[in-house]
Amino acid sequence: MANYLKPILLLCASNIFMTFAWYGHLKFTNKPLILVIVVSWLIAFFEYCLAVPANRMGHGIYSAAELKTIQEVITLSVFAGFSVLYLGENITINHIIGFGFICLGAFFVFKGPF
């Protein structure tokens, strides 16, 4: 597998864990807050086990700003799918426009100096 792809795939996997850690508990509002905090920390541990190596190996290929940009675009993509498939929420035109502007920002990060 190409070295430039490994960090991206690890960041995708880490974002799935982190999205569940941050938002998965929203379906369990009857559970005690301390319990969902502890479970979220346990889930987030696995996110860190993927994100830290992704950033370490990716930094030799991408700049820190590029890595953060990749991570943010992945986060939005994972979150959009999660909110529809897991939480049953709708994506609105306002969400699409907002995400589009963030992707436009990512374009400028990777485009290089003008």
N, C-alpha and C. Protein backbone atom coordinates (compact mmCIF):
# COMPACT_ATOMS: atom_id res chain seq x y z
N MET A 1 0.86 -1.19 0.00
CA MET A 1 0.00 0.00 0.00
C MET A 1 0.89 1.24 0.00
N ALA A 2 0.50 2.23 -0.74
CA ALA A 2 1.29 3.44 -0.87
C ALA A 2 1.37 4.17 0.47
N ASN A 3 2.55 4.70 0.76
CA ASN A 3 2.77 5.37 2.04
C ASN A 3 1.85 6.58 2.24
N TYR A 4 1.51 7.29 1.17
CA TYR A 4 0.65 8.46 1.31
C TYR A 4 -0.78 8.08 1.67
N LEU A 5 -1.17 6.82 1.41
CA LEU A 5 -2.53 6.37 1.68
C LEU A 5 -2.71 5.83 3.10
N LYS A 6 -1.65 5.26 3.68
CA LYS A 6 -1.74 4.66 5.02
C LYS A 6 -2.25 5.64 6.08
N PRO A 7 -1.68 6.86 6.18
CA PRO A 7 -2.18 7.78 7.20
C PRO A 7 -3.64 8.15 6.99
N ILE A 8 -4.06 8.26 5.74
CA ILE A 8 -5.45 8.63 5.45
C ILE A 8 -6.39 7.52 5.90
N LEU A 9 -6.03 6.27 5.62
CA LEU A 9 -6.87 5.15 6.05
C LEU A 9 -6.92 5.04 7.57
N LEU A 10 -5.78 5.25 8.22
CA LEU A 10 -5.77 5.23 9.70
C LEU A 10 -6.61 6.36 10.27
N LEU A 11 -6.55 7.54 9.64
CA LEU A 11 -7.37 8.66 10.11
C LEU A 11 -8.85 8.38 9.90
N CYS A 12 -9.20 7.70 8.83
CA CYS A 12 -10.61 7.32 8.61
C CYS A 12 -11.08 6.39 9.73
N ALA A 13 -10.29 5.38 10.02
CA ALA A 13 -10.66 4.44 11.08
C ALA A 13 -10.72 5.14 12.44
N SER A 14 -9.76 6.00 12.71
CA SER A 14 -9.74 6.69 14.01
C SER A 14 -10.96 7.60 14.16
N ASN A 15 -11.38 8.21 13.07
CA ASN A 15 -12.54 9.11 13.13
C ASN A 15 -13.83 8.35 13.38
N ILE A 16 -13.93 7.13 12.92
CA ILE A 16 -15.11 6.32 13.22
C ILE A 16 -15.20 6.10 14.73
N PHE A 17 -14.07 5.73 15.34
CA PHE A 17 -14.06 5.55 16.80
C PHE A 17 -14.40 6.85 17.52
N MET A 18 -13.78 7.94 17.08
CA MET A 18 -13.98 9.20 17.79
C MET A 18 -15.41 9.70 17.65
N THR A 19 -16.02 9.50 16.51
CA THR A 19 -17.40 9.93 16.33
C THR A 19 -18.31 9.15 17.27
N PHE A 20 -18.07 7.85 17.41
CA PHE A 20 -18.87 7.08 18.37
C PHE A 20 -18.57 7.52 19.80
N ALA A 21 -17.32 7.84 20.10
CA ALA A 21 -16.97 8.28 21.46
C ALA A 21 -17.68 9.60 21.80
N TRP A 22 -17.73 10.51 20.87
CA TRP A 22 -18.30 11.83 21.13
C TRP A 22 -19.81 11.87 21.02
N TYR A 23 -20.37 11.11 20.08
CA TYR A 23 -21.80 11.25 19.78
C TYR A 23 -22.63 9.98 19.95
N GLY A 24 -22.01 8.83 20.08
CA GLY A 24 -22.75 7.58 20.20
C GLY A 24 -23.67 7.52 21.40
N HIS A 25 -23.31 8.19 22.45
CA HIS A 25 -24.11 8.18 23.68
C HIS A 25 -25.42 8.95 23.55
N LEU A 26 -25.58 9.72 22.49
CA LEU A 26 -26.80 10.52 22.33
C LEU A 26 -28.05 9.64 22.19
N LYS A 27 -27.86 8.38 21.85
CA LYS A 27 -28.99 7.45 21.79
C LYS A 27 -29.29 6.83 23.16
N PHE A 28 -28.45 7.12 24.14
CA PHE A 28 -28.60 6.51 25.46
C PHE A 28 -28.72 7.59 26.54
N THR A 29 -29.64 8.49 26.36
CA THR A 29 -29.79 9.63 27.29
C THR A 29 -30.28 9.19 28.66
N ASN A 30 -30.76 7.96 28.79
CA ASN A 30 -31.21 7.48 30.08
C ASN A 30 -30.08 6.91 30.94
N LYS A 31 -28.90 6.79 30.37
CA LYS A 31 -27.74 6.26 31.10
C LYS A 31 -27.07 7.37 31.91
N PRO A 32 -26.48 7.03 33.06
CA PRO A 32 -25.80 8.05 33.87
C PRO A 32 -24.64 8.70 33.10
N LEU A 33 -24.49 9.98 33.27
CA LEU A 33 -23.45 10.74 32.56
C LEU A 33 -22.06 10.17 32.82
N ILE A 34 -21.76 9.79 34.06
CA ILE A 34 -20.43 9.27 34.38
C ILE A 34 -20.16 7.99 33.58
N LEU A 35 -21.19 7.16 33.40
CA LEU A 35 -21.03 5.94 32.62
C LEU A 35 -20.70 6.24 31.16
N VAL A 36 -21.43 7.16 30.55
CA VAL A 36 -21.15 7.47 29.14
C VAL A 36 -19.80 8.16 28.99
N ILE A 37 -19.37 8.91 30.00
CA ILE A 37 -18.03 9.51 29.94
C ILE A 37 -16.96 8.43 29.94
N VAL A 38 -17.09 7.46 30.84
CA VAL A 38 -16.09 6.39 30.93
C VAL A 38 -16.09 5.55 29.65
N VAL A 39 -17.26 5.19 29.16
CA VAL A 39 -17.34 4.41 27.92
C VAL A 39 -16.75 5.22 26.76
N SER A 40 -17.05 6.51 26.71
CA SER A 40 -16.49 7.36 25.65
C SER A 40 -14.97 7.40 25.73
N TRP A 41 -14.42 7.47 26.92
CA TRP A 41 -12.96 7.45 27.07
C TRP A 41 -12.37 6.13 26.57
N LEU A 42 -13.05 5.04 26.88
CA LEU A 42 -12.55 3.74 26.42
C LEU A 42 -12.55 3.66 24.89
N ILE A 43 -13.62 4.16 24.27
CA ILE A 43 -13.68 4.17 22.81
C ILE A 43 -12.61 5.10 22.25
N ALA A 44 -12.44 6.26 22.87
CA ALA A 44 -11.45 7.23 22.39
C ALA A 44 -10.03 6.69 22.48
N PHE A 45 -9.77 5.79 23.42
CA PHE A 45 -8.44 5.19 23.52
C PHE A 45 -8.05 4.54 22.19
N PHE A 46 -8.99 3.81 21.59
CA PHE A 46 -8.70 3.15 20.31
C PHE A 46 -8.52 4.18 19.19
N GLU A 47 -9.25 5.29 19.30
CA GLU A 47 -9.06 6.36 18.32
C GLU A 47 -7.63 6.88 18.38
N TYR A 48 -7.13 7.09 19.58
CA TYR A 48 -5.76 7.57 19.73
C TYR A 48 -4.75 6.55 19.23
N CYS A 49 -5.04 5.26 19.42
CA CYS A 49 -4.13 4.21 18.95
C CYS A 49 -4.02 4.19 17.43
N LEU A 50 -4.98 4.79 16.75
CA LEU A 50 -4.93 4.89 15.29
C LEU A 50 -4.47 6.27 14.84
N ALA A 51 -4.92 7.32 15.51
CA ALA A 51 -4.61 8.69 15.09
C ALA A 51 -3.14 9.04 15.30
N VAL A 52 -2.58 8.62 16.42
CA VAL A 52 -1.18 8.99 16.69
C VAL A 52 -0.24 8.37 15.65
N PRO A 53 -0.34 7.08 15.35
CA PRO A 53 0.52 6.54 14.29
C PRO A 53 0.23 7.17 12.92
N ALA A 54 -1.04 7.46 12.65
CA ALA A 54 -1.38 8.09 11.37
C ALA A 54 -0.67 9.42 11.22
N ASN A 55 -0.69 10.22 12.27
CA ASN A 55 -0.03 11.52 12.20
C ASN A 55 1.48 11.40 12.19
N ARG A 56 2.01 10.43 12.91
CA ARG A 56 3.46 10.25 12.92
C ARG A 56 3.97 9.82 11.55
N MET A 57 3.34 8.82 10.94
CA MET A 57 3.82 8.37 9.63
C MET A 57 3.42 9.36 8.53
N GLY A 58 2.32 10.06 8.72
CA GLY A 58 1.87 11.01 7.72
C GLY A 58 2.68 12.28 7.68
N HIS A 59 3.32 12.64 8.80
CA HIS A 59 4.05 13.90 8.85
C HIS A 59 5.26 13.90 7.93
N GLY A 60 5.78 12.76 7.61
CA GLY A 60 6.88 12.70 6.65
C GLY A 60 6.42 12.91 5.21
N ILE A 61 5.12 12.78 4.99
CA ILE A 61 4.56 12.89 3.65
C ILE A 61 3.79 14.20 3.48
N TYR A 62 3.03 14.56 4.51
CA TYR A 62 2.18 15.77 4.52
C TYR A 62 2.70 16.73 5.58
N SER A 63 2.43 18.00 5.40
CA SER A 63 2.73 18.97 6.45
C SER A 63 1.70 18.80 7.56
N ALA A 64 1.97 19.38 8.73
CA ALA A 64 1.03 19.31 9.84
C ALA A 64 -0.31 19.95 9.46
N ALA A 65 -0.26 21.05 8.75
CA ALA A 65 -1.50 21.71 8.32
C ALA A 65 -2.29 20.83 7.35
N GLU A 66 -1.58 20.12 6.47
CA GLU A 66 -2.27 19.22 5.54
C GLU A 66 -2.88 18.04 6.28
N LEU A 67 -2.14 17.48 7.25
CA LEU A 67 -2.69 16.38 8.05
C LEU A 67 -3.95 16.80 8.79
N LYS A 68 -3.92 17.98 9.39
CA LYS A 68 -5.09 18.46 10.12
C LYS A 68 -6.26 18.69 9.17
N THR A 69 -5.98 19.18 8.01
CA THR A 69 -7.03 19.41 7.01
C THR A 69 -7.63 18.09 6.56
N ILE A 70 -6.80 17.11 6.29
CA ILE A 70 -7.29 15.77 5.93
C ILE A 70 -8.18 15.24 7.04
N GLN A 71 -7.72 15.38 8.27
CA GLN A 71 -8.48 14.86 9.40
C GLN A 71 -9.84 15.55 9.51
N GLU A 72 -9.88 16.85 9.29
CA GLU A 72 -11.16 17.58 9.41
C GLU A 72 -12.14 17.19 8.32
N VAL A 73 -11.66 17.01 7.11
CA VAL A 73 -12.54 16.60 6.01
C VAL A 73 -13.06 15.18 6.27
N ILE A 74 -12.19 14.30 6.74
CA ILE A 74 -12.62 12.94 7.10
C ILE A 74 -13.65 13.00 8.22
N THR A 75 -13.39 13.83 9.23
CA THR A 75 -14.32 13.95 10.36
C THR A 75 -15.70 14.37 9.88
N LEU A 76 -15.77 15.35 9.01
CA LEU A 76 -17.07 15.80 8.49
C LEU A 76 -17.76 14.70 7.69
N SER A 77 -17.00 13.98 6.91
CA SER A 77 -17.58 12.90 6.11
C SER A 77 -18.12 11.79 6.98
N VAL A 78 -17.31 11.37 7.96
CA VAL A 78 -17.74 10.31 8.88
C VAL A 78 -18.95 10.78 9.68
N PHE A 79 -18.89 12.02 10.17
CA PHE A 79 -20.00 12.54 10.97
C PHE A 79 -21.29 12.63 10.18
N ALA A 80 -21.21 13.04 8.92
CA ALA A 80 -22.41 13.14 8.09
C ALA A 80 -23.06 11.76 7.96
N GLY A 81 -22.27 10.75 7.66
CA GLY A 81 -22.81 9.40 7.57
C GLY A 81 -23.35 8.90 8.89
N PHE A 82 -22.64 9.18 9.97
CA PHE A 82 -23.04 8.76 11.31
C PHE A 82 -24.37 9.40 11.71
N SER A 83 -24.49 10.69 11.46
CA SER A 83 -25.71 11.39 11.89
C SER A 83 -26.93 10.88 11.12
N VAL A 84 -26.75 10.50 9.88
CA VAL A 84 -27.87 9.97 9.09
C VAL A 84 -28.15 8.51 9.46
N LEU A 85 -27.11 7.68 9.44
CA LEU A 85 -27.30 6.24 9.62
C LEU A 85 -27.52 5.82 11.07
N TYR A 86 -26.84 6.46 12.00
CA TYR A 86 -26.93 6.04 13.41
C TYR A 86 -27.94 6.87 14.20
N LEU A 87 -27.88 8.18 14.04
CA LEU A 87 -28.77 9.05 14.80
C LEU A 87 -30.10 9.29 14.10
N GLY A 88 -30.18 8.96 12.82
CA GLY A 88 -31.41 9.15 12.08
C GLY A 88 -31.75 10.60 11.79
N GLU A 89 -30.72 11.46 11.72
CA GLU A 89 -30.94 12.87 11.43
C GLU A 89 -30.78 13.12 9.93
N ASN A 90 -31.34 14.21 9.48
CA ASN A 90 -31.24 14.57 8.07
C ASN A 90 -30.09 15.54 7.83
N ILE A 91 -29.50 15.43 6.65
CA ILE A 91 -28.52 16.41 6.21
C ILE A 91 -29.31 17.46 5.41
N THR A 92 -29.16 18.71 5.78
CA THR A 92 -29.90 19.77 5.09
C THR A 92 -29.00 20.48 4.08
N ILE A 93 -29.60 21.30 3.27
CA ILE A 93 -28.83 22.07 2.29
C ILE A 93 -27.84 23.00 3.00
N ASN A 94 -28.21 23.51 4.17
CA ASN A 94 -27.28 24.35 4.93
C ASN A 94 -26.05 23.56 5.35
N HIS A 95 -26.24 22.29 5.76
CA HIS A 95 -25.10 21.45 6.12
C HIS A 95 -24.20 21.24 4.90
N ILE A 96 -24.81 20.95 3.78
CA ILE A 96 -24.04 20.69 2.56
C ILE A 96 -23.24 21.92 2.15
N ILE A 97 -23.87 23.08 2.22
CA ILE A 97 -23.16 24.32 1.87
C ILE A 97 -22.01 24.57 2.84
N GLY A 98 -22.27 24.40 4.13
CA GLY A 98 -21.22 24.60 5.13
C GLY A 98 -20.07 23.63 4.94
N PHE A 99 -20.38 22.35 4.73
CA PHE A 99 -19.33 21.36 4.50
C PHE A 99 -18.56 21.69 3.22
N GLY A 100 -19.29 22.18 2.22
CA GLY A 100 -18.65 22.57 0.96
C GLY A 100 -17.62 23.68 1.16
N PHE A 101 -17.96 24.67 1.99
CA PHE A 101 -17.00 25.74 2.27
C PHE A 101 -15.77 25.21 3.00
N ILE A 102 -15.98 24.24 3.89
CA ILE A 102 -14.83 23.64 4.57
C ILE A 102 -13.96 22.90 3.58
N CYS A 103 -14.57 22.19 2.65
CA CYS A 103 -13.81 21.50 1.60
C CYS A 103 -13.09 22.49 0.70
N LEU A 104 -13.71 23.63 0.45
CA LEU A 104 -13.05 24.68 -0.32
C LEU A 104 -11.80 25.17 0.42
N GLY A 105 -11.91 25.31 1.73
CA GLY A 105 -10.75 25.67 2.53
C GLY A 105 -9.66 24.62 2.43
N ALA A 106 -10.05 23.35 2.42
CA ALA A 106 -9.07 22.27 2.28
C ALA A 106 -8.36 22.37 0.93
N PHE A 107 -9.09 22.72 -0.10
CA PHE A 107 -8.49 22.91 -1.42
C PHE A 107 -7.36 23.94 -1.35
N PHE A 108 -7.60 25.07 -0.66
CA PHE A 108 -6.59 26.10 -0.58
C PHE A 108 -5.38 25.68 0.25
N VAL A 109 -5.60 24.84 1.24
CA VAL A 109 -4.47 24.33 2.03
C VAL A 109 -3.54 23.50 1.13
N PHE A 110 -4.12 22.69 0.27
CA PHE A 110 -3.32 21.80 -0.57
C PHE A 110 -2.85 22.45 -1.87
N LYS A 111 -3.48 23.52 -2.28
CA LYS A 111 -3.16 24.16 -3.55
C LYS A 111 -1.76 24.75 -3.57
N GLY A 112 -1.31 25.20 -2.44
CA GLY A 112 0.01 25.81 -2.39
C GLY A 112 -0.07 27.31 -2.52
N PRO A 113 1.05 27.99 -2.45
CA PRO A 113 1.04 29.46 -2.52
C PRO A 113 0.59 29.96 -3.89
N PHE A 114 -0.11 31.06 -3.88
CA PHE A 114 -0.57 31.68 -5.12
C PHE A 114 0.45 32.64 -5.64
